[in-house]
Amino acid sequence: MESLLIVDDDINLCEALSDELKEVGYEVNYVNNADAALVYLDNNQVDLLLLDLKMPEKDGFYVLKNLKEKGNNVKVIVLTAYADVKSAIDSAKMGASDFVSKPYDLDELIITIRKVLQRIQ
């Protein structure tokens, strides 16, 4: 079973998305800030990270930068309400595998998750 970590400051979104993804067979955990994400990733194996870019204090780019510096090659899908071309390009340069706009369409998100996870195998 593939494991996913959701990183988003919106706890309601984390809970809802976690429930939806568990229903289709993923092991899902979530945290609501960048520092908690990095601590979690230091201590747990994760197949895919669903990462919000805009969070208070430290944003998703901070997480991407730290992952790159640590050599952590976890696959990342950026999930953000502030979708623009520059953010998509910048996140891809920092290692993100894909980019999904909020509000997300669950079916499209699941297809994107499967596509990114298949690249691992």
C-alpha atoms as a PDB file:
ATOM      1  CA  MET A   1       0.000   0.000   0.000  1.00  0.00           C
ATOM      2  CA  GLU A   2       1.440   3.360  -1.018  1.00  0.00           C
ATOM      3  CA  SER A   3       1.800   5.972   1.692  1.00  0.00           C
ATOM      4  CA  LEU A   4       0.930   9.618   1.199  1.00  0.00           C
ATOM      5  CA  LEU A   5       1.567  12.681   3.337  1.00  0.00           C
ATOM      6  CA  ILE A   6      -0.644  15.744   2.960  1.00  0.00           C
ATOM      7  CA  VAL A   7       0.949  19.048   3.998  1.00  0.00           C
ATOM      8  CA  ASP A   8      -1.595  21.858   4.183  1.00  0.00           C
ATOM      9  CA  ASP A   9      -2.478  24.512   6.756  1.00  0.00           C
ATOM     10  CA  ASP A  10      -6.218  23.894   6.144  1.00  0.00           C
ATOM     11  CA  ILE A  11      -6.964  21.098   8.611  1.00  0.00           C
ATOM     12  CA  ASN A  12     -10.459  20.557   7.193  1.00  0.00           C
ATOM     13  CA  LEU A  13      -9.002  19.950   3.742  1.00  0.00           C
ATOM     14  CA  CYS A  14      -6.438  17.561   5.234  1.00  0.00           C
ATOM     15  CA  GLU A  15      -9.107  15.528   6.988  1.00  0.00           C
ATOM     16  CA  ALA A  16     -11.462  15.401   3.994  1.00  0.00           C
ATOM     17  CA  LEU A  17      -8.744  14.568   1.468  1.00  0.00           C
ATOM     18  CA  SER A  18      -7.232  11.991   3.816  1.00  0.00           C
ATOM     19  CA  ASP A  19     -10.607  10.231   4.145  1.00  0.00           C
ATOM     20  CA  GLU A  20     -11.163  10.322   0.372  1.00  0.00           C
ATOM     21  CA  LEU A  21      -7.742   8.881  -0.417  1.00  0.00           C
ATOM     22  CA  LYS A  22      -8.011   6.182   2.268  1.00  0.00           C
ATOM     23  CA  GLU A  23     -11.261   5.042   0.610  1.00  0.00           C
ATOM     24  CA  VAL A  24      -9.369   4.310  -2.626  1.00  0.00           C
ATOM     25  CA  GLY A  25      -6.671   2.340  -0.823  1.00  0.00           C
ATOM     26  CA  TYR A  26      -3.865   4.685   0.176  1.00  0.00           C
ATOM     27  CA  GLU A  27      -2.242   4.950   3.582  1.00  0.00           C
ATOM     28  CA  VAL A  28      -2.579   8.662   4.394  1.00  0.00           C
ATOM     29  CA  ASN A  29      -1.238  10.945   7.097  1.00  0.00           C
ATOM     30  CA  TYR A  30      -1.230  14.728   7.278  1.00  0.00           C
ATOM     31  CA  VAL A  31       0.491  17.632   8.949  1.00  0.00           C
ATOM     32  CA  ASN A  32      -0.410  21.311   8.842  1.00  0.00           C
ATOM     33  CA  ASN A  33       2.924  23.115   8.491  1.00  0.00           C
ATOM     34  CA  ALA A  34       6.306  22.915   6.789  1.00  0.00           C
ATOM     35  CA  ASP A  35       8.365  22.097   9.877  1.00  0.00           C
ATOM     36  CA  ALA A  36       6.067  19.234  10.884  1.00  0.00           C
ATOM     37  CA  ALA A  37       6.331  17.877   7.325  1.00  0.00           C
ATOM     38  CA  LEU A  38      10.126  17.840   7.447  1.00  0.00           C
ATOM     39  CA  VAL A  39      10.169  16.142  10.857  1.00  0.00           C
ATOM     40  CA  TYR A  40       7.652  13.551   9.636  1.00  0.00           C
ATOM     41  CA  LEU A  41       9.695  12.870   6.489  1.00  0.00           C
ATOM     42  CA  ASP A  42      12.890  12.492   8.541  1.00  0.00           C
ATOM     43  CA  ASN A  43      11.227   9.723  10.559  1.00  0.00           C
ATOM     44  CA  ASN A  44       8.888   7.983   8.113  1.00  0.00           C
ATOM     45  CA  GLN A  45       8.985   6.474   4.640  1.00  0.00           C
ATOM     46  CA  VAL A  46       6.517   8.199   2.305  1.00  0.00           C
ATOM     47  CA  ASP A  47       5.853   7.413  -1.352  1.00  0.00           C
ATOM     48  CA  LEU A  48       4.206  10.730  -2.227  1.00  0.00           C
ATOM     49  CA  LEU A  49       3.822  14.185  -0.723  1.00  0.00           C
ATOM     50  CA  LEU A  50       0.772  16.375  -1.469  1.00  0.00           C
ATOM     51  CA  LEU A  51       2.144  19.815  -0.694  1.00  0.00           C
ATOM     52  CA  ASP A  52       0.403  23.168  -0.374  1.00  0.00           C
ATOM     53  CA  LEU A  53       2.568  26.101  -1.467  1.00  0.00           C
ATOM     54  CA  LYS A  54       0.968  28.920   0.522  1.00  0.00           C
ATOM     55  CA  MET A  55       1.184  28.338   4.267  1.00  0.00           C
ATOM     56  CA  PRO A  56       1.858  30.741   7.132  1.00  0.00           C
ATOM     57  CA  GLU A  57       5.462  31.169   8.266  1.00  0.00           C
ATOM     58  CA  LYS A  58       7.211  28.624   6.003  1.00  0.00           C
ATOM     59  CA  ASP A  59       5.735  27.732   2.628  1.00  0.00           C
ATOM     60  CA  GLY A  60       5.850  24.750   0.310  1.00  0.00           C
ATOM     61  CA  PHE A  61       8.941  26.086  -1.440  1.00  0.00           C
ATOM     62  CA  TYR A  62      10.737  25.860   1.917  1.00  0.00           C
ATOM     63  CA  VAL A  63       9.816  22.170   2.094  1.00  0.00           C
ATOM     64  CA  LEU A  64      10.928  21.542  -1.501  1.00  0.00           C
ATOM     65  CA  LYS A  65      14.241  23.312  -0.873  1.00  0.00           C
ATOM     66  CA  ASN A  66      14.908  21.276   2.274  1.00  0.00           C
ATOM     67  CA  LEU A  67      14.050  17.990   0.584  1.00  0.00           C
ATOM     68  CA  LYS A  68      16.429  18.795  -2.245  1.00  0.00           C
ATOM     69  CA  GLU A  69      19.231  19.771   0.177  1.00  0.00           C
ATOM     70  CA  LYS A  70      18.763  16.532   2.145  1.00  0.00           C
ATOM     71  CA  GLY A  71      18.703  14.417  -1.006  1.00  0.00           C
ATOM     72  CA  ASN A  72      15.202  13.176  -0.206  1.00  0.00           C
ATOM     73  CA  ASN A  73      13.706  12.101  -3.533  1.00  0.00           C
ATOM     74  CA  VAL A  74      10.118  11.685  -2.348  1.00  0.00           C
ATOM     75  CA  LYS A  75       7.687  12.392  -5.182  1.00  0.00           C
ATOM     76  CA  VAL A  76       5.770  15.653  -4.699  1.00  0.00           C
ATOM     77  CA  ILE A  77       2.491  16.901  -6.108  1.00  0.00           C
ATOM     78  CA  VAL A  78       1.948  20.577  -5.402  1.00  0.00           C
ATOM     79  CA  LEU A  79      -1.680  21.204  -4.433  1.00  0.00           C
ATOM     80  CA  THR A  80      -2.485  24.914  -4.278  1.00  0.00           C
ATOM     81  CA  ALA A  81      -5.255  27.471  -4.628  1.00  0.00           C
ATOM     82  CA  TYR A  82      -2.720  29.946  -5.991  1.00  0.00           C
ATOM     83  CA  ALA A  83      -2.045  28.163  -9.257  1.00  0.00           C
ATOM     84  CA  ASP A  84      -0.083  30.191 -11.760  1.00  0.00           C
ATOM     85  CA  VAL A  85       2.499  29.362 -14.386  1.00  0.00           C
ATOM     86  CA  LYS A  86       5.416  30.807 -12.400  1.00  0.00           C
ATOM     87  CA  SER A  87       4.585  28.743  -9.304  1.00  0.00           C
ATOM     88  CA  ALA A  88       4.246  25.598 -11.432  1.00  0.00           C
ATOM     89  CA  ILE A  89       7.590  26.192 -13.124  1.00  0.00           C
ATOM     90  CA  ASP A  90       9.354  27.125  -9.874  1.00  0.00           C
ATOM     91  CA  SER A  91       8.013  24.068  -8.045  1.00  0.00           C
ATOM     92  CA  ALA A  92       9.016  21.777 -10.944  1.00  0.00           C
ATOM     93  CA  LYS A  93      12.544  23.224 -10.877  1.00  0.00           C
ATOM     94  CA  MET A  94      12.685  22.398  -7.171  1.00  0.00           C
ATOM     95  CA  GLY A  95      11.650  18.790  -7.718  1.00  0.00           C
ATOM     96  CA  ALA A  96       7.850  18.676  -7.772  1.00  0.00           C
ATOM     97  CA  SER A  97       6.501  15.964 -10.059  1.00  0.00           C
ATOM     98  CA  ASP A  98       3.154  17.588 -10.796  1.00  0.00           C
ATOM     99  CA  PHE A  99       0.892  20.526  -9.948  1.00  0.00           C
ATOM    100  CA  VAL A 100      -2.845  20.427  -9.095  1.00  0.00           C
ATOM    101  CA  SER A 101      -5.089  23.441  -8.522  1.00  0.00           C
ATOM    102  CA  LYS A 102      -7.510  23.793  -5.609  1.00  0.00           C
ATOM    103  CA  PRO A 103     -10.325  23.272  -5.434  1.00  0.00           C
ATOM    104  CA  TYR A 104      -9.265  19.883  -6.746  1.00  0.00           C
ATOM    105  CA  ASP A 105     -11.384  17.414  -8.687  1.00  0.00           C
ATOM    106  CA  LEU A 106     -10.971  14.154  -6.746  1.00  0.00           C
ATOM    107  CA  ASP A 107     -10.986  11.915  -9.833  1.00  0.00           C
ATOM    108  CA  GLU A 108      -8.347  14.053 -11.554  1.00  0.00           C
ATOM    109  CA  LEU A 109      -6.242  14.149  -8.382  1.00  0.00           C
ATOM    110  CA  ILE A 110      -6.362  10.357  -8.051  1.00  0.00           C
ATOM    111  CA  ILE A 111      -5.312   9.988 -11.697  1.00  0.00           C
ATOM    112  CA  THR A 112      -2.399  12.384 -11.077  1.00  0.00           C
ATOM    113  CA  ILE A 113      -1.379  10.493  -7.920  1.00  0.00           C
ATOM    114  CA  ARG A 114      -1.421   7.163  -9.777  1.00  0.00           C
ATOM    115  CA  LYS A 115       0.565   8.643 -12.661  1.00  0.00           C
ATOM    116  CA  VAL A 116       3.259  10.044 -10.355  1.00  0.00           C
ATOM    117  CA  LEU A 117       3.460   6.840  -8.286  1.00  0.00           C
ATOM    118  CA  GLN A 118       3.838   4.734 -11.450  1.00  0.00           C
ATOM    119  CA  ARG A 119       6.951   6.743 -12.334  1.00  0.00           C
ATOM    120  CA  ILE A 120       8.538   5.327  -9.167  1.00  0.00           C
ATOM    121  CA  GLN A 121       8.035   1.689 -10.190  1.00  0.00           C
END
